N, C-alpha and C. Protein backbone atom coordinates (compact mmCIF):
# COMPACT_ATOMS: atom_id res chain seq x y z
N UNK A 1 151.80 89.15 11.08
CA UNK A 1 152.15 90.03 12.18
C UNK A 1 153.11 89.34 13.16
N UNK A 2 152.76 88.07 13.50
CA UNK A 2 153.63 87.34 14.43
C UNK A 2 155.01 87.12 13.81
N UNK A 3 155.04 86.86 12.50
CA UNK A 3 156.30 86.65 11.82
C UNK A 3 157.17 87.91 11.89
N UNK A 4 156.57 89.07 11.68
CA UNK A 4 157.30 90.35 11.74
C UNK A 4 157.86 90.58 13.14
N UNK A 5 157.05 90.28 14.16
CA UNK A 5 157.50 90.46 15.54
C UNK A 5 158.65 89.51 15.86
N UNK A 6 158.51 88.25 15.45
CA UNK A 6 159.59 87.28 15.69
C UNK A 6 160.86 87.66 14.94
N UNK A 7 160.71 88.16 13.73
CA UNK A 7 161.87 88.60 12.94
C UNK A 7 162.57 89.76 13.62
N UNK A 8 161.79 90.70 14.14
CA UNK A 8 162.38 91.85 14.85
C UNK A 8 163.14 91.41 16.08
N UNK A 9 162.55 90.50 16.85
CA UNK A 9 163.22 89.99 18.06
C UNK A 9 164.51 89.28 17.68
N UNK A 10 164.47 88.46 16.62
CA UNK A 10 165.67 87.75 16.18
C UNK A 10 166.76 88.72 15.76
N UNK A 11 166.39 89.78 15.01
CA UNK A 11 167.37 90.77 14.56
C UNK A 11 168.00 91.47 15.75
N UNK A 12 167.19 91.89 16.72
CA UNK A 12 167.74 92.56 17.92
C UNK A 12 168.67 91.61 18.67
N UNK A 13 168.25 90.35 18.83
CA UNK A 13 169.10 89.39 19.52
C UNK A 13 170.41 89.17 18.77
N UNK A 14 170.33 89.06 17.45
CA UNK A 14 171.53 88.84 16.63
C UNK A 14 172.49 90.02 16.74
N UNK A 15 171.95 91.23 16.72
CA UNK A 15 172.81 92.41 16.84
C UNK A 15 173.48 92.48 18.20
N UNK A 16 172.73 92.16 19.27
CA UNK A 16 173.35 92.21 20.60
C UNK A 16 174.37 91.09 20.76
N UNK A 17 174.12 89.94 20.10
CA UNK A 17 175.08 88.84 20.19
C UNK A 17 176.38 89.17 19.48
N UNK A 18 176.31 90.05 18.49
CA UNK A 18 177.50 90.44 17.73
C UNK A 18 178.07 91.78 18.23
N UNK A 19 177.61 92.26 19.35
CA UNK A 19 178.04 93.56 19.86
C UNK A 19 179.56 93.62 20.02
N UNK A 20 180.08 94.80 19.78
CA UNK A 20 181.52 95.02 19.86
C UNK A 20 181.74 96.39 20.49
N UNK A 21 182.66 96.47 21.42
CA UNK A 21 182.96 97.74 22.08
C UNK A 21 184.40 98.13 21.78
N UNK A 22 184.61 99.41 21.47
CA UNK A 22 185.96 99.93 21.24
C UNK A 22 186.20 101.13 22.14
N UNK A 23 187.44 101.32 22.49
CA UNK A 23 187.84 102.39 23.40
C UNK A 23 187.67 103.75 22.75
N UNK A 24 187.14 104.69 23.52
CA UNK A 24 187.12 106.10 23.13
C UNK A 24 188.37 106.71 23.76
N UNK A 25 189.42 106.83 22.97
CA UNK A 25 190.74 107.18 23.49
C UNK A 25 190.78 108.54 24.20
N UNK A 26 190.13 109.55 23.62
CA UNK A 26 190.23 110.89 24.21
C UNK A 26 189.41 111.06 25.49
N UNK A 27 188.59 110.07 25.84
CA UNK A 27 187.84 110.11 27.10
C UNK A 27 188.43 109.14 28.13
N UNK A 28 189.47 108.42 27.75
CA UNK A 28 190.05 107.39 28.61
C UNK A 28 191.41 107.82 29.14
N UNK A 29 191.84 107.19 30.23
CA UNK A 29 193.15 107.53 30.80
C UNK A 29 193.77 106.32 31.48
N UNK A 30 195.10 106.30 31.48
CA UNK A 30 195.88 105.29 32.19
C UNK A 30 197.10 106.01 32.76
N UNK A 31 197.21 106.02 34.07
CA UNK A 31 198.30 106.76 34.71
C UNK A 31 198.96 105.90 35.78
N UNK A 32 200.17 106.31 36.16
CA UNK A 32 200.88 105.64 37.24
C UNK A 32 201.66 106.68 38.05
N UNK A 33 202.05 106.27 39.23
CA UNK A 33 202.81 107.15 40.11
C UNK A 33 204.20 106.56 40.31
N UNK A 34 205.22 107.37 40.04
CA UNK A 34 206.59 106.94 40.31
C UNK A 34 207.12 107.75 41.50
N UNK A 35 208.03 107.14 42.25
CA UNK A 35 208.60 107.81 43.42
C UNK A 35 210.11 107.82 43.30
N UNK A 36 210.67 109.01 43.46
CA UNK A 36 212.12 109.15 43.42
C UNK A 36 212.60 109.76 44.74
N UNK A 37 213.86 109.50 45.04
CA UNK A 37 214.47 110.01 46.28
C UNK A 37 213.58 109.79 47.49
N UNK A 38 212.93 108.67 47.55
CA UNK A 38 212.10 108.14 48.63
C UNK A 38 210.82 108.91 48.92
N UNK A 39 210.79 110.21 48.70
CA UNK A 39 209.63 110.99 49.14
C UNK A 39 208.99 111.85 48.05
N UNK A 40 209.50 111.82 46.84
CA UNK A 40 208.95 112.66 45.77
C UNK A 40 208.19 111.78 44.78
N UNK A 41 206.87 111.91 44.79
CA UNK A 41 206.03 111.10 43.90
C UNK A 41 205.47 111.99 42.80
N UNK A 42 205.39 111.42 41.59
CA UNK A 42 204.92 112.16 40.42
C UNK A 42 203.97 111.28 39.61
N UNK A 43 202.90 111.91 39.12
CA UNK A 43 201.94 111.21 38.27
C UNK A 43 202.39 111.31 36.82
N UNK A 44 202.36 110.18 36.14
CA UNK A 44 202.72 110.11 34.72
C UNK A 44 201.63 109.34 34.00
N UNK A 45 201.56 109.48 32.70
CA UNK A 45 200.49 108.81 31.96
C UNK A 45 200.94 108.36 30.58
N UNK A 46 200.15 107.47 30.01
CA UNK A 46 200.29 107.09 28.61
C UNK A 46 199.11 107.71 27.89
N UNK A 47 199.39 108.40 26.79
CA UNK A 47 198.33 109.15 26.11
C UNK A 47 197.73 108.43 24.91
N UNK A 48 198.32 107.31 24.48
CA UNK A 48 197.78 106.56 23.35
C UNK A 48 197.46 105.13 23.78
N UNK A 49 196.18 104.83 23.75
CA UNK A 49 195.68 103.52 24.16
C UNK A 49 194.74 103.00 23.08
N UNK A 50 194.70 101.69 22.92
CA UNK A 50 193.72 101.03 22.07
C UNK A 50 193.16 99.87 22.88
N UNK A 51 191.87 99.68 22.81
CA UNK A 51 191.26 98.55 23.52
C UNK A 51 189.95 98.19 22.86
N UNK A 52 189.59 96.92 23.01
CA UNK A 52 188.33 96.44 22.47
C UNK A 52 187.94 95.13 23.11
N UNK A 53 186.66 94.82 23.03
CA UNK A 53 186.17 93.49 23.39
C UNK A 53 184.85 93.28 22.67
N UNK A 54 184.52 92.02 22.49
CA UNK A 54 183.31 91.67 21.77
C UNK A 54 182.35 90.90 22.64
N UNK A 55 181.31 90.35 22.00
CA UNK A 55 180.25 89.64 22.71
C UNK A 55 180.76 88.40 23.45
N UNK A 56 181.90 87.88 23.04
CA UNK A 56 182.46 86.70 23.71
C UNK A 56 183.28 87.07 24.94
N UNK A 57 183.54 88.37 25.15
CA UNK A 57 184.21 88.85 26.37
C UNK A 57 185.72 88.88 26.32
N UNK A 58 186.32 88.59 25.17
CA UNK A 58 187.78 88.63 25.08
C UNK A 58 188.23 90.09 25.00
N UNK A 59 188.94 90.53 26.03
CA UNK A 59 189.35 91.93 26.17
C UNK A 59 190.84 92.07 25.83
N UNK A 60 191.17 93.13 25.09
CA UNK A 60 192.59 93.42 24.82
C UNK A 60 192.82 94.92 24.87
N UNK A 61 193.86 95.30 25.61
CA UNK A 61 194.29 96.69 25.72
C UNK A 61 195.72 96.78 25.25
N UNK A 62 196.01 97.74 24.38
CA UNK A 62 197.38 98.01 23.94
C UNK A 62 197.76 99.41 24.39
N UNK A 63 198.94 99.50 25.01
CA UNK A 63 199.46 100.78 25.49
C UNK A 63 200.66 101.13 24.63
N UNK A 64 200.59 102.25 23.94
CA UNK A 64 201.69 102.73 23.12
C UNK A 64 202.75 103.31 24.06
N UNK A 65 203.84 102.58 24.24
CA UNK A 65 204.86 103.00 25.21
C UNK A 65 205.56 104.30 24.82
N UNK A 66 205.55 104.64 23.53
CA UNK A 66 206.13 105.91 23.08
C UNK A 66 205.30 107.10 23.56
N UNK A 67 204.07 106.86 23.97
CA UNK A 67 203.19 107.95 24.38
C UNK A 67 203.35 108.33 25.85
N UNK A 68 204.42 107.85 26.50
CA UNK A 68 204.67 108.21 27.90
C UNK A 68 204.71 109.73 28.03
N UNK A 69 204.03 110.24 29.03
CA UNK A 69 203.99 111.69 29.27
C UNK A 69 204.19 111.93 30.76
N UNK A 70 205.41 112.33 31.09
CA UNK A 70 205.74 112.63 32.49
C UNK A 70 205.69 114.13 32.76
N UNK A 71 205.51 114.90 31.70
CA UNK A 71 205.52 116.35 31.84
C UNK A 71 206.90 116.95 31.60
N UNK A 72 207.91 116.08 31.43
CA UNK A 72 209.28 116.54 31.17
C UNK A 72 209.80 115.75 29.97
N UNK A 73 210.01 116.44 28.84
CA UNK A 73 210.34 115.76 27.58
C UNK A 73 211.63 114.95 27.66
N UNK A 74 212.67 115.48 28.29
CA UNK A 74 213.94 114.74 28.35
C UNK A 74 213.76 113.45 29.16
N UNK A 75 212.95 113.50 30.19
CA UNK A 75 212.68 112.29 30.98
C UNK A 75 211.90 111.29 30.14
N UNK A 76 210.91 111.78 29.37
CA UNK A 76 210.15 110.89 28.50
C UNK A 76 211.06 110.18 27.51
N UNK A 77 211.98 110.93 26.91
CA UNK A 77 212.93 110.36 25.94
C UNK A 77 213.80 109.30 26.61
N UNK A 78 214.29 109.59 27.78
CA UNK A 78 215.13 108.62 28.51
C UNK A 78 214.35 107.37 28.86
N UNK A 79 213.09 107.53 29.25
CA UNK A 79 212.27 106.37 29.59
C UNK A 79 211.99 105.53 28.34
N UNK A 80 211.73 106.19 27.21
CA UNK A 80 211.49 105.45 25.97
C UNK A 80 212.71 104.61 25.59
N UNK A 81 213.89 105.22 25.70
CA UNK A 81 215.12 104.55 25.27
C UNK A 81 215.65 103.55 26.28
N UNK A 82 215.65 103.90 27.56
CA UNK A 82 216.35 103.10 28.58
C UNK A 82 215.45 102.19 29.42
N UNK A 83 214.17 102.54 29.52
CA UNK A 83 213.27 101.74 30.35
C UNK A 83 212.38 100.84 29.50
N UNK A 84 211.70 101.43 28.52
CA UNK A 84 210.76 100.66 27.71
C UNK A 84 211.39 100.03 26.47
N UNK A 85 212.64 100.39 26.16
CA UNK A 85 213.38 99.79 25.05
C UNK A 85 212.56 99.77 23.77
N UNK A 86 212.13 100.97 23.36
CA UNK A 86 211.20 101.09 22.24
C UNK A 86 211.69 100.51 20.93
N UNK A 87 212.98 100.41 20.74
CA UNK A 87 213.46 99.80 19.49
C UNK A 87 212.97 98.37 19.33
N UNK A 88 212.77 97.69 20.46
CA UNK A 88 212.34 96.29 20.43
C UNK A 88 210.90 96.07 20.88
N UNK A 89 210.37 96.98 21.71
CA UNK A 89 209.05 96.78 22.30
C UNK A 89 208.23 98.07 22.23
N UNK A 90 207.34 98.14 21.26
CA UNK A 90 206.57 99.38 21.06
C UNK A 90 205.33 99.48 21.94
N UNK A 91 204.75 98.33 22.30
CA UNK A 91 203.51 98.34 23.07
C UNK A 91 203.57 97.38 24.24
N UNK A 92 202.77 97.70 25.25
CA UNK A 92 202.47 96.77 26.33
C UNK A 92 201.05 96.28 26.07
N UNK A 93 200.76 95.02 26.40
CA UNK A 93 199.43 94.47 26.16
C UNK A 93 198.87 93.86 27.43
N UNK A 94 197.58 94.07 27.59
CA UNK A 94 196.86 93.45 28.69
C UNK A 94 195.67 92.72 28.08
N UNK A 95 195.54 91.43 28.38
CA UNK A 95 194.42 90.65 27.87
C UNK A 95 193.69 89.99 29.04
N UNK A 96 192.39 89.83 28.88
CA UNK A 96 191.58 89.21 29.94
C UNK A 96 190.31 88.67 29.33
N UNK A 97 189.67 87.77 30.05
CA UNK A 97 188.36 87.27 29.68
C UNK A 97 187.35 87.92 30.63
N UNK A 98 186.46 88.73 30.09
CA UNK A 98 185.45 89.39 30.91
C UNK A 98 184.34 88.41 31.27
N UNK A 99 183.81 88.51 32.48
CA UNK A 99 182.71 87.61 32.85
C UNK A 99 181.43 87.96 32.09
N UNK A 100 180.56 86.98 31.93
CA UNK A 100 179.30 87.18 31.22
C UNK A 100 178.46 88.28 31.85
N UNK A 101 178.56 88.45 33.17
CA UNK A 101 177.75 89.46 33.85
C UNK A 101 178.02 90.86 33.31
N UNK A 102 179.26 91.14 32.90
CA UNK A 102 179.59 92.45 32.33
C UNK A 102 178.90 92.62 30.98
N UNK A 103 178.89 91.58 30.19
CA UNK A 103 178.32 91.66 28.85
C UNK A 103 176.79 91.71 28.87
N UNK A 104 176.20 91.24 29.96
CA UNK A 104 174.74 91.20 30.07
C UNK A 104 174.18 92.29 30.97
N UNK A 105 175.01 93.25 31.38
CA UNK A 105 174.54 94.32 32.24
C UNK A 105 173.41 95.10 31.58
N UNK A 106 172.47 95.53 32.40
CA UNK A 106 171.42 96.39 31.88
C UNK A 106 171.91 97.84 31.90
N UNK A 107 171.33 98.64 31.03
CA UNK A 107 171.72 100.06 30.94
C UNK A 107 171.51 100.74 32.29
N UNK A 108 172.52 101.48 32.72
CA UNK A 108 172.47 102.19 33.99
C UNK A 108 172.96 101.39 35.18
N UNK A 109 173.27 100.11 34.97
CA UNK A 109 173.74 99.29 36.10
C UNK A 109 175.25 99.36 36.25
N UNK A 110 175.72 98.98 37.42
CA UNK A 110 177.15 99.02 37.72
C UNK A 110 177.51 97.77 38.51
N UNK A 111 178.72 97.28 38.29
CA UNK A 111 179.15 96.04 38.94
C UNK A 111 180.64 96.12 39.27
N UNK A 112 181.00 95.66 40.44
CA UNK A 112 182.40 95.58 40.85
C UNK A 112 182.89 94.16 40.57
N UNK A 113 183.97 94.05 39.78
CA UNK A 113 184.49 92.72 39.43
C UNK A 113 186.00 92.70 39.64
N UNK A 114 186.54 91.51 39.83
CA UNK A 114 187.98 91.30 39.83
C UNK A 114 188.27 90.31 38.71
N UNK A 115 189.19 90.72 37.84
CA UNK A 115 189.50 89.93 36.65
C UNK A 115 190.97 89.55 36.65
N UNK A 116 191.26 88.31 36.34
CA UNK A 116 192.64 87.88 36.13
C UNK A 116 193.03 88.31 34.72
N UNK A 117 194.16 89.00 34.60
CA UNK A 117 194.60 89.53 33.30
C UNK A 117 196.07 89.21 33.10
N UNK A 118 196.44 89.06 31.85
CA UNK A 118 197.84 88.84 31.51
C UNK A 118 198.42 90.15 31.00
N UNK A 119 199.47 90.62 31.66
CA UNK A 119 200.16 91.83 31.25
C UNK A 119 201.47 91.43 30.60
N UNK A 120 201.69 91.90 29.36
CA UNK A 120 202.93 91.65 28.63
C UNK A 120 203.63 92.98 28.43
N UNK A 121 204.87 93.05 28.91
CA UNK A 121 205.63 94.29 28.89
C UNK A 121 207.10 93.96 28.64
N UNK A 122 207.70 94.60 27.68
CA UNK A 122 209.07 94.40 27.21
C UNK A 122 209.51 92.93 27.20
N UNK A 123 208.66 92.10 26.61
CA UNK A 123 209.01 90.71 26.40
C UNK A 123 208.73 89.76 27.55
N UNK A 124 208.16 90.25 28.63
CA UNK A 124 207.82 89.39 29.76
C UNK A 124 206.34 89.49 30.04
N UNK A 125 205.75 88.39 30.51
CA UNK A 125 204.31 88.35 30.81
C UNK A 125 204.08 87.87 32.23
N UNK A 126 203.03 88.40 32.83
CA UNK A 126 202.68 88.00 34.20
C UNK A 126 201.18 88.15 34.38
N UNK A 127 200.59 87.24 35.13
CA UNK A 127 199.18 87.35 35.47
C UNK A 127 199.03 88.32 36.64
N UNK A 128 198.06 89.21 36.53
CA UNK A 128 197.76 90.15 37.60
C UNK A 128 196.24 90.16 37.82
N UNK A 129 195.82 90.56 39.00
CA UNK A 129 194.39 90.74 39.28
C UNK A 129 194.06 92.22 39.20
N UNK A 130 192.95 92.51 38.54
CA UNK A 130 192.51 93.89 38.34
C UNK A 130 191.09 94.02 38.89
N UNK A 131 190.89 94.93 39.85
CA UNK A 131 189.57 95.19 40.40
C UNK A 131 189.00 96.42 39.71
N UNK A 132 187.81 96.23 39.12
CA UNK A 132 187.24 97.23 38.23
C UNK A 132 185.77 97.48 38.55
N UNK A 133 185.37 98.74 38.52
CA UNK A 133 183.96 99.10 38.58
C UNK A 133 183.51 99.27 37.12
N UNK A 134 182.57 98.44 36.69
CA UNK A 134 182.09 98.47 35.31
C UNK A 134 180.66 99.01 35.32
N UNK A 135 180.44 100.08 34.53
CA UNK A 135 179.14 100.74 34.49
C UNK A 135 178.63 100.80 33.05
N UNK A 136 177.39 100.38 32.85
CA UNK A 136 176.75 100.44 31.53
C UNK A 136 176.08 101.80 31.43
N UNK A 137 176.48 102.59 30.45
CA UNK A 137 175.96 103.94 30.29
C UNK A 137 174.62 103.95 29.55
N UNK A 138 173.95 105.08 29.61
CA UNK A 138 172.65 105.21 28.95
C UNK A 138 172.75 105.03 27.44
N UNK A 139 173.91 105.38 26.84
CA UNK A 139 174.10 105.22 25.39
C UNK A 139 174.57 103.81 25.03
N UNK A 140 174.52 102.89 26.00
CA UNK A 140 174.94 101.50 25.87
C UNK A 140 176.45 101.34 25.80
N UNK A 141 177.18 102.42 26.08
CA UNK A 141 178.62 102.32 26.22
C UNK A 141 178.95 101.73 27.58
N UNK A 142 180.23 101.50 27.81
CA UNK A 142 180.68 100.92 29.08
C UNK A 142 181.87 101.72 29.59
N UNK A 143 181.87 102.01 30.90
CA UNK A 143 183.00 102.66 31.55
C UNK A 143 183.59 101.68 32.55
N UNK A 144 184.90 101.47 32.46
CA UNK A 144 185.61 100.57 33.39
C UNK A 144 186.66 101.40 34.13
N UNK A 145 186.54 101.45 35.45
CA UNK A 145 187.43 102.27 36.28
C UNK A 145 188.07 101.42 37.36
N UNK A 146 189.38 101.55 37.51
CA UNK A 146 190.06 100.82 38.59
C UNK A 146 189.58 101.38 39.92
N UNK A 147 189.31 100.49 40.86
CA UNK A 147 188.84 100.94 42.18
C UNK A 147 189.96 100.92 43.21
N UNK A 148 191.07 100.32 42.84
CA UNK A 148 192.26 100.35 43.66
C UNK A 148 193.46 100.26 42.73
N UNK A 149 194.57 100.88 43.13
CA UNK A 149 195.74 100.86 42.23
C UNK A 149 196.21 99.43 41.99
N UNK A 150 196.68 99.19 40.76
CA UNK A 150 197.30 97.92 40.41
C UNK A 150 198.80 98.11 40.65
N UNK A 151 199.38 97.34 41.52
CA UNK A 151 200.81 97.48 41.83
C UNK A 151 201.63 96.66 40.85
N UNK A 152 202.43 97.35 40.05
CA UNK A 152 203.28 96.69 39.06
C UNK A 152 204.73 96.75 39.54
N UNK A 153 205.35 95.59 39.64
CA UNK A 153 206.74 95.49 40.09
C UNK A 153 207.67 95.52 38.88
N UNK A 154 208.61 96.44 38.90
CA UNK A 154 209.60 96.54 37.82
C UNK A 154 210.41 95.26 37.69
N UNK A 155 210.69 94.62 38.78
CA UNK A 155 211.49 93.39 38.77
C UNK A 155 210.77 92.29 37.99
N UNK A 156 209.45 92.19 38.14
CA UNK A 156 208.67 91.16 37.46
C UNK A 156 208.79 91.25 35.94
N UNK A 157 209.05 92.44 35.42
CA UNK A 157 209.08 92.64 33.97
C UNK A 157 210.47 93.02 33.46
N UNK A 158 211.48 92.88 34.31
CA UNK A 158 212.84 93.18 33.88
C UNK A 158 213.10 94.66 33.68
N UNK A 159 212.29 95.50 34.31
CA UNK A 159 212.45 96.95 34.19
C UNK A 159 213.45 97.52 35.19
N UNK A 160 213.90 96.71 36.13
CA UNK A 160 214.80 97.21 37.17
C UNK A 160 216.13 97.68 36.59
N UNK A 161 216.63 97.00 35.56
CA UNK A 161 217.88 97.43 34.92
C UNK A 161 217.71 98.81 34.30
N UNK A 162 216.58 99.03 33.62
CA UNK A 162 216.29 100.34 33.04
C UNK A 162 216.15 101.42 34.10
N UNK A 163 215.51 101.07 35.20
CA UNK A 163 215.37 102.04 36.30
C UNK A 163 216.74 102.40 36.85
N UNK A 164 217.62 101.41 37.02
CA UNK A 164 218.97 101.69 37.51
C UNK A 164 219.73 102.60 36.55
N UNK A 165 219.52 102.42 35.25
CA UNK A 165 220.16 103.29 34.25
C UNK A 165 219.63 104.71 34.38
N UNK A 166 218.31 104.86 34.52
CA UNK A 166 217.71 106.19 34.69
C UNK A 166 218.20 106.85 35.97
N UNK A 167 218.35 106.07 37.01
CA UNK A 167 218.85 106.57 38.29
C UNK A 167 220.23 107.19 38.13
N UNK A 168 221.11 106.49 37.41
CA UNK A 168 222.48 106.98 37.19
C UNK A 168 222.48 108.22 36.30
N UNK A 169 221.68 108.21 35.22
CA UNK A 169 221.64 109.35 34.31
C UNK A 169 221.15 110.61 35.02
N UNK A 170 220.10 110.47 35.83
CA UNK A 170 219.49 111.62 36.49
C UNK A 170 220.21 112.01 37.78
N UNK A 171 221.13 111.17 38.26
CA UNK A 171 221.85 111.47 39.50
C UNK A 171 220.95 111.46 40.73
N UNK A 172 219.99 110.54 40.75
CA UNK A 172 219.07 110.44 41.88
C UNK A 172 219.57 109.43 42.90
N UNK A 173 219.04 109.54 44.13
CA UNK A 173 219.37 108.58 45.17
C UNK A 173 218.59 107.27 44.99
N UNK A 174 217.33 107.39 44.54
CA UNK A 174 216.50 106.18 44.38
C UNK A 174 215.33 106.46 43.44
N UNK A 175 214.86 105.39 42.81
CA UNK A 175 213.61 105.37 42.07
C UNK A 175 212.91 104.08 42.47
N UNK A 176 211.68 104.18 42.91
CA UNK A 176 210.95 103.02 43.39
C UNK A 176 210.75 101.97 42.31
N UNK A 177 210.84 100.70 42.69
CA UNK A 177 210.66 99.58 41.75
C UNK A 177 209.20 99.15 41.61
N UNK A 178 208.31 99.69 42.43
CA UNK A 178 206.90 99.35 42.35
C UNK A 178 206.10 100.61 42.06
N UNK A 179 205.22 100.51 41.05
CA UNK A 179 204.39 101.68 40.71
C UNK A 179 202.92 101.30 40.77
N UNK A 180 202.09 102.16 41.38
CA UNK A 180 200.65 101.96 41.33
C UNK A 180 200.08 102.53 40.04
N UNK A 181 199.23 101.75 39.38
CA UNK A 181 198.62 102.13 38.10
C UNK A 181 197.12 102.27 38.29
N UNK A 182 196.54 103.32 37.70
CA UNK A 182 195.09 103.54 37.72
C UNK A 182 194.61 103.78 36.30
N UNK A 183 193.34 103.49 36.04
CA UNK A 183 192.80 103.72 34.71
C UNK A 183 191.32 104.06 34.77
N UNK A 184 190.86 104.72 33.73
CA UNK A 184 189.45 104.95 33.47
C UNK A 184 189.27 104.76 31.97
N UNK A 185 188.59 103.69 31.58
CA UNK A 185 188.45 103.34 30.17
C UNK A 185 186.99 103.47 29.76
N UNK A 186 186.76 104.22 28.68
CA UNK A 186 185.41 104.48 28.20
C UNK A 186 185.25 103.80 26.83
N UNK A 187 184.20 102.98 26.70
CA UNK A 187 183.97 102.21 25.49
C UNK A 187 182.64 102.58 24.83
N UNK A 188 182.67 102.60 23.51
CA UNK A 188 181.45 102.80 22.73
C UNK A 188 181.05 101.48 22.10
N UNK A 189 179.75 101.22 22.03
CA UNK A 189 179.25 100.00 21.42
C UNK A 189 179.04 100.21 19.94
N UNK A 190 179.45 99.22 19.15
CA UNK A 190 179.28 99.29 17.69
C UNK A 190 178.45 98.12 17.21
């Protein structure tokens, strides 16, 4: 009897040690706000995301840059060609090491964390800080939601040239070089 109980505990521990979480894409979102002509702000999003992390806490998010959705197809096409340079750069990547506290959360608990992450976009990388509310769901899934916008500077990633090109094509007075990004990422445990 004791052997069966110890075996069961070992199996449960082994399974939790090998836990793996993957993004539920249709329940997740990543959006940003762009501002043109100084006072006109618009919400845009990426509709194709992949993300995962395992028991060791290594997190990776891939953003399919072709999935940009601004609500205007010609603008999306121009952004794909002139801003994100899709011929050379299909995805943006964000990687981070999650703290142990996230991996050991009890079901129903929530924690506010700030994580240093590396963002790689059109061939350039930069460390950014991301403040996230992480909640362990009843089904043992995890929801990670930004609690404040992440400010991404176009200049840091060499996007300013693309923005200037878009500005000329669209005949606008200005397009802001800094965009606030928000996300809500939903993960299932496997």
